[in-house]
Amino acid sequence: QPVPAQAAMNPAAGSWTCPNCGQVGTGNFCTNCGTKRPVLEWTCPNCGQVQTGNFCTNCGTKRPQ
């Protein structure tokens, strides 16, 4: 019989992979090497500017979910 996949093998929602060492984590810093979690960029659907915060700094549009 095949062995069921372990839950640890599937990264949890909200997790990220460290660009420095490849460790999967869920906090703000990598638990293996201490690298800060990368900030995800998004493009404002209203004006097209690339952003990193929760609101567009150009037009004020809220970050899409």
N, C-alpha and C. Protein backbone atom coordinates (compact mmCIF):
# COMPACT_ATOMS: atom_id res chain seq x y z
N GLN A 1 0.84 -1.19 0.00
CA GLN A 1 0.00 0.00 0.00
C GLN A 1 0.88 1.24 0.00
N PRO A 2 0.45 2.28 -0.75
CA PRO A 2 1.23 3.52 -0.74
C PRO A 2 1.12 4.22 0.61
N VAL A 3 2.20 4.85 1.01
CA VAL A 3 2.24 5.59 2.26
C VAL A 3 1.66 6.98 2.02
N PRO A 4 0.69 7.44 2.85
CA PRO A 4 0.12 8.77 2.66
C PRO A 4 1.19 9.85 2.83
N ALA A 5 1.05 10.90 2.05
CA ALA A 5 2.00 12.01 2.14
C ALA A 5 1.91 12.67 3.50
N GLN A 6 3.03 13.04 4.04
CA GLN A 6 3.07 13.71 5.33
C GLN A 6 2.63 15.16 5.17
N ALA A 7 1.94 15.69 6.16
CA ALA A 7 1.50 17.09 6.11
C ALA A 7 2.69 18.04 6.04
N ALA A 8 3.80 17.65 6.63
CA ALA A 8 4.99 18.51 6.63
C ALA A 8 5.58 18.67 5.23
N MET A 9 5.27 17.76 4.34
CA MET A 9 5.80 17.83 2.99
C MET A 9 5.07 18.89 2.16
N ASN A 10 3.86 19.25 2.56
CA ASN A 10 3.08 20.26 1.85
C ASN A 10 3.15 21.56 2.63
N PRO A 11 3.78 22.60 2.03
CA PRO A 11 3.88 23.87 2.76
C PRO A 11 2.51 24.43 3.11
N ALA A 12 2.39 24.95 4.30
CA ALA A 12 1.12 25.52 4.76
C ALA A 12 0.86 26.85 4.08
N ALA A 13 -0.41 27.22 4.02
CA ALA A 13 -0.77 28.52 3.48
C ALA A 13 -0.11 29.60 4.32
N GLY A 14 0.42 30.62 3.68
CA GLY A 14 1.09 31.69 4.39
C GLY A 14 2.57 31.43 4.63
N SER A 15 3.04 30.27 4.20
CA SER A 15 4.46 29.98 4.37
C SER A 15 5.24 30.57 3.21
N TRP A 16 6.55 30.62 3.38
CA TRP A 16 7.42 31.16 2.34
C TRP A 16 8.72 30.38 2.35
N THR A 17 9.42 30.42 1.23
CA THR A 17 10.70 29.74 1.11
C THR A 17 11.81 30.78 1.12
N CYS A 18 12.76 30.60 1.99
CA CYS A 18 13.88 31.53 2.12
C CYS A 18 14.68 31.56 0.82
N PRO A 19 14.90 32.76 0.26
CA PRO A 19 15.68 32.84 -0.98
C PRO A 19 17.17 32.58 -0.76
N ASN A 20 17.61 32.62 0.50
CA ASN A 20 19.02 32.42 0.82
C ASN A 20 19.38 30.95 1.02
N CYS A 21 18.54 30.22 1.78
CA CYS A 21 18.91 28.84 2.11
C CYS A 21 17.87 27.79 1.73
N GLY A 22 16.68 28.21 1.31
CA GLY A 22 15.65 27.26 0.88
C GLY A 22 14.76 26.73 1.99
N GLN A 23 14.99 27.15 3.23
CA GLN A 23 14.16 26.71 4.37
C GLN A 23 12.75 27.26 4.22
N VAL A 24 11.73 26.45 4.51
CA VAL A 24 10.34 26.91 4.49
C VAL A 24 10.01 27.43 5.88
N GLY A 25 9.41 28.61 5.94
CA GLY A 25 9.06 29.21 7.22
C GLY A 25 7.74 29.92 7.17
N THR A 26 7.28 30.38 8.33
CA THR A 26 6.02 31.11 8.42
C THR A 26 6.17 32.44 9.14
N GLY A 27 7.30 32.69 9.75
CA GLY A 27 7.52 33.93 10.49
C GLY A 27 8.09 35.03 9.61
N ASN A 28 8.55 36.10 10.25
CA ASN A 28 9.12 37.23 9.52
C ASN A 28 10.59 37.04 9.18
N PHE A 29 11.24 36.04 9.81
CA PHE A 29 12.64 35.76 9.54
C PHE A 29 12.83 34.26 9.38
N CYS A 30 13.81 33.87 8.59
CA CYS A 30 14.13 32.46 8.39
C CYS A 30 14.70 31.89 9.69
N THR A 31 14.18 30.76 10.12
CA THR A 31 14.65 30.14 11.36
C THR A 31 16.00 29.45 11.17
N ASN A 32 16.41 29.26 9.93
CA ASN A 32 17.68 28.60 9.65
C ASN A 32 18.83 29.58 9.51
N CYS A 33 18.64 30.68 8.76
CA CYS A 33 19.76 31.59 8.50
C CYS A 33 19.49 33.03 8.92
N GLY A 34 18.26 33.36 9.32
CA GLY A 34 17.96 34.69 9.80
C GLY A 34 17.60 35.71 8.74
N THR A 35 17.50 35.29 7.47
CA THR A 35 17.14 36.21 6.40
C THR A 35 15.72 36.72 6.61
N LYS A 36 15.51 38.02 6.38
CA LYS A 36 14.18 38.61 6.52
C LYS A 36 13.26 38.11 5.41
N ARG A 37 12.01 37.88 5.76
CA ARG A 37 11.01 37.43 4.79
C ARG A 37 10.89 38.47 3.68
N PRO A 38 10.92 38.04 2.41
CA PRO A 38 10.80 39.01 1.32
C PRO A 38 9.42 39.65 1.29
N VAL A 39 9.38 40.91 0.90
CA VAL A 39 8.12 41.64 0.77
C VAL A 39 7.55 41.34 -0.60
N LEU A 40 6.30 40.92 -0.63
CA LEU A 40 5.67 40.60 -1.90
C LEU A 40 5.18 41.87 -2.58
N GLU A 41 5.56 42.02 -3.83
CA GLU A 41 5.11 43.18 -4.60
C GLU A 41 3.79 42.87 -5.28
N TRP A 42 3.02 43.92 -5.54
CA TRP A 42 1.77 43.79 -6.28
C TRP A 42 1.63 45.00 -7.18
N THR A 43 0.88 44.84 -8.24
CA THR A 43 0.65 45.94 -9.18
C THR A 43 -0.74 46.48 -8.97
N CYS A 44 -0.84 47.79 -8.78
CA CYS A 44 -2.12 48.44 -8.55
C CYS A 44 -3.02 48.26 -9.78
N PRO A 45 -4.23 47.74 -9.58
CA PRO A 45 -5.13 47.53 -10.72
C PRO A 45 -5.69 48.85 -11.28
N ASN A 46 -5.56 49.93 -10.49
CA ASN A 46 -6.10 51.22 -10.91
C ASN A 46 -5.11 52.02 -11.75
N CYS A 47 -3.84 52.09 -11.29
CA CYS A 47 -2.87 52.94 -11.99
C CYS A 47 -1.66 52.20 -12.54
N GLY A 48 -1.49 50.91 -12.18
CA GLY A 48 -0.41 50.11 -12.73
C GLY A 48 0.93 50.24 -12.01
N GLN A 49 1.00 50.99 -10.94
CA GLN A 49 2.26 51.15 -10.20
C GLN A 49 2.55 49.91 -9.35
N VAL A 50 3.82 49.52 -9.26
CA VAL A 50 4.24 48.39 -8.43
C VAL A 50 4.33 48.87 -6.99
N GLN A 51 3.72 48.11 -6.08
CA GLN A 51 3.62 48.49 -4.67
C GLN A 51 4.05 47.35 -3.76
N THR A 52 4.29 47.67 -2.47
CA THR A 52 4.61 46.64 -1.48
C THR A 52 3.73 46.74 -0.24
N GLY A 53 3.08 47.86 -0.03
CA GLY A 53 2.24 48.05 1.16
C GLY A 53 0.81 47.60 0.93
N ASN A 54 -0.08 48.01 1.83
CA ASN A 54 -1.48 47.64 1.72
C ASN A 54 -2.30 48.60 0.86
N PHE A 55 -1.72 49.77 0.58
CA PHE A 55 -2.40 50.76 -0.26
C PHE A 55 -1.41 51.29 -1.29
N CYS A 56 -1.91 51.65 -2.46
CA CYS A 56 -1.07 52.22 -3.50
C CYS A 56 -0.62 53.62 -3.07
N THR A 57 0.66 53.88 -3.15
CA THR A 57 1.19 55.19 -2.76
C THR A 57 0.96 56.23 -3.84
N ASN A 58 0.52 55.80 -5.03
CA ASN A 58 0.27 56.72 -6.12
C ASN A 58 -1.18 57.20 -6.14
N CYS A 59 -2.13 56.26 -5.98
CA CYS A 59 -3.54 56.64 -6.11
C CYS A 59 -4.40 56.29 -4.90
N GLY A 60 -3.84 55.54 -3.94
CA GLY A 60 -4.58 55.22 -2.73
C GLY A 60 -5.45 53.98 -2.79
N THR A 61 -5.44 53.25 -3.90
CA THR A 61 -6.25 52.04 -4.02
C THR A 61 -5.76 50.99 -3.04
N LYS A 62 -6.72 50.30 -2.39
CA LYS A 62 -6.39 49.25 -1.44
C LYS A 62 -5.86 48.02 -2.18
N ARG A 63 -4.88 47.36 -1.58
CA ARG A 63 -4.30 46.15 -2.15
C ARG A 63 -5.39 45.09 -2.32
N PRO A 64 -5.48 44.48 -3.51
CA PRO A 64 -6.48 43.42 -3.71
C PRO A 64 -6.18 42.22 -2.81
N GLN A 65 -7.19 41.50 -2.45
CA GLN A 65 -7.03 40.32 -1.58
C GLN A 65 -6.38 39.20 -2.29
